[in-house]
Amino acid sequence: MDTIGPIQNRISRFFIDVDDRNWESVEAAMTGRVHLDYSSFGAGEPVDLTPEAITTAWKELLPGFDQTHHQIGNALVESKEQKAKVKVHATATHFIDGAEGGDIWVVYGSYHIALVHEGGAWKISSIQFNFKFQDGNMDLPVIAQARANEKAE
């Protein structure tokens, strides 16, 4: 049975849904609790969160960008029985049209993602981002946060 294709599709669909702000599908792609680790990017200690808590946090920032684009590639998949580990390179491009200081902020790194096969589908149980470097307008996240707050009011 081919497990690599469905695992890669789950990861690709997850990042596409994040960029499309399809939060219901993003949440459905995860297990009941997800180990989230963005510590290499200065986001504090790793935490275990519900999918809803994760998307709530992402909703407070990502809608402040006009567009985001997560490009993943070079997937290395290891699977055994009902568990899988995936490593992908990632480029996350963030765009705000006409932002002072430049329209683009790009973050480069890799993700280590763990999945489990449950309920007939592969679901993400752990996401670890491994920061490499960034480029562009480093003020864009602050601008996006303010814009997202305005939209939420």
C-alpha atoms as a PDB file:
ATOM      1  CA  MET A   1       0.000   0.000   0.000  1.00  0.00           C
ATOM      2  CA  ASP A   2       1.337   3.429  -0.960  1.00  0.00           C
ATOM      3  CA  THR A   3       1.457   5.649   2.112  1.00  0.00           C
ATOM      4  CA  ILE A   4       3.885   8.282   0.834  1.00  0.00           C
ATOM      5  CA  GLY A   5       1.434   9.878  -1.621  1.00  0.00           C
ATOM      6  CA  PRO A   6      -1.378  10.365   0.916  1.00  0.00           C
ATOM      7  CA  ILE A   7       1.090  11.663   3.522  1.00  0.00           C
ATOM      8  CA  GLN A   8       2.583  14.191   1.101  1.00  0.00           C
ATOM      9  CA  ASN A   9      -0.910  15.219   0.002  1.00  0.00           C
ATOM     10  CA  ARG A  10      -1.938  15.821   3.622  1.00  0.00           C
ATOM     11  CA  ILE A  11       1.060  18.103   4.197  1.00  0.00           C
ATOM     12  CA  SER A  12       0.537  19.980   0.908  1.00  0.00           C
ATOM     13  CA  ARG A  13      -3.200  20.422   1.537  1.00  0.00           C
ATOM     14  CA  PHE A  14      -2.471  21.674   5.066  1.00  0.00           C
ATOM     15  CA  PHE A  15      -0.218  24.520   3.870  1.00  0.00           C
ATOM     16  CA  ILE A  16      -2.524  25.372   0.960  1.00  0.00           C
ATOM     17  CA  ASP A  17      -5.447  25.589   3.404  1.00  0.00           C
ATOM     18  CA  VAL A  18      -3.430  27.839   5.740  1.00  0.00           C
ATOM     19  CA  ASP A  19      -2.741  30.205   2.822  1.00  0.00           C
ATOM     20  CA  ASP A  20      -6.413  30.054   1.761  1.00  0.00           C
ATOM     21  CA  ARG A  21      -7.522  30.679   5.396  1.00  0.00           C
ATOM     22  CA  ASN A  22      -9.622  27.509   5.219  1.00  0.00           C
ATOM     23  CA  TRP A  23      -9.497  27.103   8.991  1.00  0.00           C
ATOM     24  CA  GLU A  24     -12.023  24.275   9.206  1.00  0.00           C
ATOM     25  CA  SER A  25      -9.905  22.123   6.892  1.00  0.00           C
ATOM     26  CA  VAL A  26      -6.689  23.125   8.709  1.00  0.00           C
ATOM     27  CA  GLU A  27      -8.200  21.992  12.018  1.00  0.00           C
ATOM     28  CA  ALA A  28      -9.495  18.738  10.495  1.00  0.00           C
ATOM     29  CA  ALA A  29      -5.954  17.899   9.323  1.00  0.00           C
ATOM     30  CA  MET A  30      -4.692  17.747  12.922  1.00  0.00           C
ATOM     31  CA  THR A  31      -5.077  15.365  15.839  1.00  0.00           C
ATOM     32  CA  GLY A  32      -6.926  16.430  19.012  1.00  0.00           C
ATOM     33  CA  ARG A  33      -3.698  17.875  20.450  1.00  0.00           C
ATOM     34  CA  VAL A  34      -0.716  18.969  18.421  1.00  0.00           C
ATOM     35  CA  HIS A  35       2.848  19.509  19.611  1.00  0.00           C
ATOM     36  CA  LEU A  36       3.772  22.914  18.159  1.00  0.00           C
ATOM     37  CA  ASP A  37       7.390  24.064  18.180  1.00  0.00           C
ATOM     38  CA  TYR A  38       8.412  27.392  16.659  1.00  0.00           C
ATOM     39  CA  SER A  39      11.129  27.946  19.288  1.00  0.00           C
ATOM     40  CA  SER A  40      13.884  28.256  16.653  1.00  0.00           C
ATOM     41  CA  PHE A  41      12.021  31.334  15.425  1.00  0.00           C
ATOM     42  CA  GLY A  42      11.782  32.942  18.874  1.00  0.00           C
ATOM     43  CA  ALA A  43       8.228  31.871  19.622  1.00  0.00           C
ATOM     44  CA  GLY A  44       8.901  30.545  23.102  1.00  0.00           C
ATOM     45  CA  GLU A  45       8.894  26.991  24.358  1.00  0.00           C
ATOM     46  CA  PRO A  46       7.102  24.206  22.461  1.00  0.00           C
ATOM     47  CA  VAL A  47       3.472  23.685  23.479  1.00  0.00           C
ATOM     48  CA  ASP A  48       0.724  21.117  23.048  1.00  0.00           C
ATOM     49  CA  LEU A  49      -2.429  22.771  21.727  1.00  0.00           C
ATOM     50  CA  THR A  50      -5.787  21.896  20.255  1.00  0.00           C
ATOM     51  CA  PRO A  51      -6.268  22.577  16.542  1.00  0.00           C
ATOM     52  CA  GLU A  52      -8.727  25.336  17.476  1.00  0.00           C
ATOM     53  CA  ALA A  53      -6.149  27.070  19.686  1.00  0.00           C
ATOM     54  CA  ILE A  54      -3.615  26.930  16.857  1.00  0.00           C
ATOM     55  CA  THR A  55      -5.939  28.416  14.254  1.00  0.00           C
ATOM     56  CA  THR A  56      -7.162  31.049  16.726  1.00  0.00           C
ATOM     57  CA  ALA A  57      -3.564  32.253  17.089  1.00  0.00           C
ATOM     58  CA  TRP A  58      -2.982  32.154  13.330  1.00  0.00           C
ATOM     59  CA  LYS A  59      -6.226  34.083  12.723  1.00  0.00           C
ATOM     60  CA  GLU A  60      -4.800  36.890  14.862  1.00  0.00           C
ATOM     61  CA  LEU A  61      -1.917  37.438  12.422  1.00  0.00           C
ATOM     62  CA  LEU A  62      -2.303  35.859   8.991  1.00  0.00           C
ATOM     63  CA  PRO A  63      -5.424  37.790   7.880  1.00  0.00           C
ATOM     64  CA  GLY A  64      -3.366  40.971   8.310  1.00  0.00           C
ATOM     65  CA  PHE A  65      -1.360  40.027   5.231  1.00  0.00           C
ATOM     66  CA  ASP A  66      -2.886  40.525   1.798  1.00  0.00           C
ATOM     67  CA  GLN A  67      -1.451  37.137   0.810  1.00  0.00           C
ATOM     68  CA  THR A  68       0.744  34.390   2.203  1.00  0.00           C
ATOM     69  CA  HIS A  69       2.363  31.607   0.223  1.00  0.00           C
ATOM     70  CA  HIS A  70       3.945  28.558   1.844  1.00  0.00           C
ATOM     71  CA  GLN A  71       6.085  26.704  -0.676  1.00  0.00           C
ATOM     72  CA  ILE A  72       7.266  23.302   0.508  1.00  0.00           C
ATOM     73  CA  GLY A  73       9.526  20.819  -1.201  1.00  0.00           C
ATOM     74  CA  ASN A  74      12.210  18.167  -0.953  1.00  0.00           C
ATOM     75  CA  ALA A  75       9.910  16.021   1.168  1.00  0.00           C
ATOM     76  CA  LEU A  76      11.528  13.144   2.995  1.00  0.00           C
ATOM     77  CA  VAL A  77       8.880  10.746   4.285  1.00  0.00           C
ATOM     78  CA  GLU A  78       9.421   7.917   6.744  1.00  0.00           C
ATOM     79  CA  SER A  79       6.398   5.843   7.640  1.00  0.00           C
ATOM     80  CA  LYS A  80       5.917   2.721   9.675  1.00  0.00           C
ATOM     81  CA  GLU A  81       2.529   1.231  10.322  1.00  0.00           C
ATOM     82  CA  GLN A  82       0.283   4.037  11.599  1.00  0.00           C
ATOM     83  CA  LYS A  83       2.939   6.728  12.126  1.00  0.00           C
ATOM     84  CA  ALA A  84       4.947   8.941   9.799  1.00  0.00           C
ATOM     85  CA  LYS A  85       7.622  11.608   9.972  1.00  0.00           C
ATOM     86  CA  VAL A  86       8.106  14.167   7.226  1.00  0.00           C
ATOM     87  CA  LYS A  87      10.852  16.710   6.704  1.00  0.00           C
ATOM     88  CA  VAL A  88      10.239  19.445   4.134  1.00  0.00           C
ATOM     89  CA  HIS A  89      12.073  22.589   3.163  1.00  0.00           C
ATOM     90  CA  ALA A  90       9.813  25.633   3.366  1.00  0.00           C
ATOM     91  CA  THR A  91       9.683  29.163   2.096  1.00  0.00           C
ATOM     92  CA  ALA A  92       6.909  31.300   3.564  1.00  0.00           C
ATOM     93  CA  THR A  93       6.265  34.497   1.626  1.00  0.00           C
ATOM     94  CA  HIS A  94       4.098  37.188   3.234  1.00  0.00           C
ATOM     95  CA  PHE A  95       2.750  40.140   1.235  1.00  0.00           C
ATOM     96  CA  ILE A  96       1.120  43.472   2.094  1.00  0.00           C
ATOM     97  CA  ASP A  97       0.505  45.721  -0.902  1.00  0.00           C
ATOM     98  CA  GLY A  98       2.148  49.114  -0.552  1.00  0.00           C
ATOM     99  CA  ALA A  99       3.611  48.539   2.908  1.00  0.00           C
ATOM    100  CA  GLU A 100       6.139  51.152   3.963  1.00  0.00           C
ATOM    101  CA  GLY A 101       9.572  49.563   3.838  1.00  0.00           C
ATOM    102  CA  GLY A 102       8.569  46.956   1.248  1.00  0.00           C
ATOM    103  CA  ASP A 103       5.728  44.623   0.370  1.00  0.00           C
ATOM    104  CA  ILE A 104       7.399  41.271   1.069  1.00  0.00           C
ATOM    105  CA  TRP A 105       8.714  39.369   4.080  1.00  0.00           C
ATOM    106  CA  VAL A 106      10.089  35.871   3.429  1.00  0.00           C
ATOM    107  CA  VAL A 107      10.985  33.236   6.010  1.00  0.00           C
ATOM    108  CA  TYR A 108      13.125  30.232   5.076  1.00  0.00           C
ATOM    109  CA  GLY A 109      13.480  27.008   7.000  1.00  0.00           C
ATOM    110  CA  SER A 110      12.297  23.459   7.255  1.00  0.00           C
ATOM    111  CA  TYR A 111       9.503  21.631   9.002  1.00  0.00           C
ATOM    112  CA  HIS A 112       9.636  18.318  10.836  1.00  0.00           C
ATOM    113  CA  ILE A 113       6.057  17.071  10.900  1.00  0.00           C
ATOM    114  CA  ALA A 114       4.756  13.937  12.613  1.00  0.00           C
ATOM    115  CA  LEU A 115       1.541  12.292  11.536  1.00  0.00           C
ATOM    116  CA  VAL A 116      -0.617   9.429  12.740  1.00  0.00           C
ATOM    117  CA  HIS A 117      -3.138   7.426  10.753  1.00  0.00           C
ATOM    118  CA  GLU A 118      -6.448   7.627  12.591  1.00  0.00           C
ATOM    119  CA  GLY A 119     -10.058   7.451  11.506  1.00  0.00           C
ATOM    120  CA  GLY A 120      -8.988   6.425   8.002  1.00  0.00           C
ATOM    121  CA  ALA A 121      -6.843   9.518   7.397  1.00  0.00           C
ATOM    122  CA  TRP A 122      -3.367  10.858   8.084  1.00  0.00           C
ATOM    123  CA  LYS A 123      -3.454  13.599  10.707  1.00  0.00           C
ATOM    124  CA  ILE A 124      -0.748  15.956  11.890  1.00  0.00           C
ATOM    125  CA  SER A 125       0.291  15.395  15.514  1.00  0.00           C
ATOM    126  CA  SER A 126       3.442  17.531  15.681  1.00  0.00           C
ATOM    127  CA  ILE A 127       4.850  20.543  13.813  1.00  0.00           C
ATOM    128  CA  GLN A 128       8.393  21.745  14.395  1.00  0.00           C
ATOM    129  CA  PHE A 129       9.691  24.710  12.407  1.00  0.00           C
ATOM    130  CA  ASN A 130      13.452  24.987  11.994  1.00  0.00           C
ATOM    131  CA  PHE A 131      14.332  28.588  11.141  1.00  0.00           C
ATOM    132  CA  LYS A 132      17.199  29.241   8.710  1.00  0.00           C
ATOM    133  CA  PHE A 133      16.961  32.929   7.727  1.00  0.00           C
ATOM    134  CA  GLN A 134      14.587  35.685   6.644  1.00  0.00           C
ATOM    135  CA  ASP A 135      14.622  38.450   4.073  1.00  0.00           C
ATOM    136  CA  GLY A 136      12.596  41.480   3.108  1.00  0.00           C
ATOM    137  CA  ASN A 137      10.626  43.863   5.293  1.00  0.00           C
ATOM    138  CA  MET A 138      11.059  42.628   8.872  1.00  0.00           C
ATOM    139  CA  ASP A 139       8.376  45.110  10.019  1.00  0.00           C
ATOM    140  CA  LEU A 140       5.654  43.345   8.024  1.00  0.00           C
ATOM    141  CA  PRO A 141       4.540  41.071  10.911  1.00  0.00           C
ATOM    142  CA  VAL A 142       3.898  44.113  13.131  1.00  0.00           C
ATOM    143  CA  ILE A 143       1.942  45.800  10.330  1.00  0.00           C
ATOM    144  CA  ALA A 144      -0.015  42.591   9.708  1.00  0.00           C
ATOM    145  CA  GLN A 145      -0.828  42.229  13.415  1.00  0.00           C
ATOM    146  CA  ALA A 146      -2.249  45.764  13.521  1.00  0.00           C
ATOM    147  CA  ARG A 147      -4.254  45.148  10.335  1.00  0.00           C
ATOM    148  CA  ALA A 148      -5.614  41.843  11.676  1.00  0.00           C
ATOM    149  CA  ASN A 149      -6.662  43.553  14.931  1.00  0.00           C
ATOM    150  CA  GLU A 150      -8.505  46.225  12.923  1.00  0.00           C
ATOM    151  CA  LYS A 151     -10.319  43.551  10.891  1.00  0.00           C
ATOM    152  CA  ALA A 152     -11.338  41.713  14.069  1.00  0.00           C
ATOM    153  CA  GLU A 153     -12.927  44.799  15.656  1.00  0.00           C
END
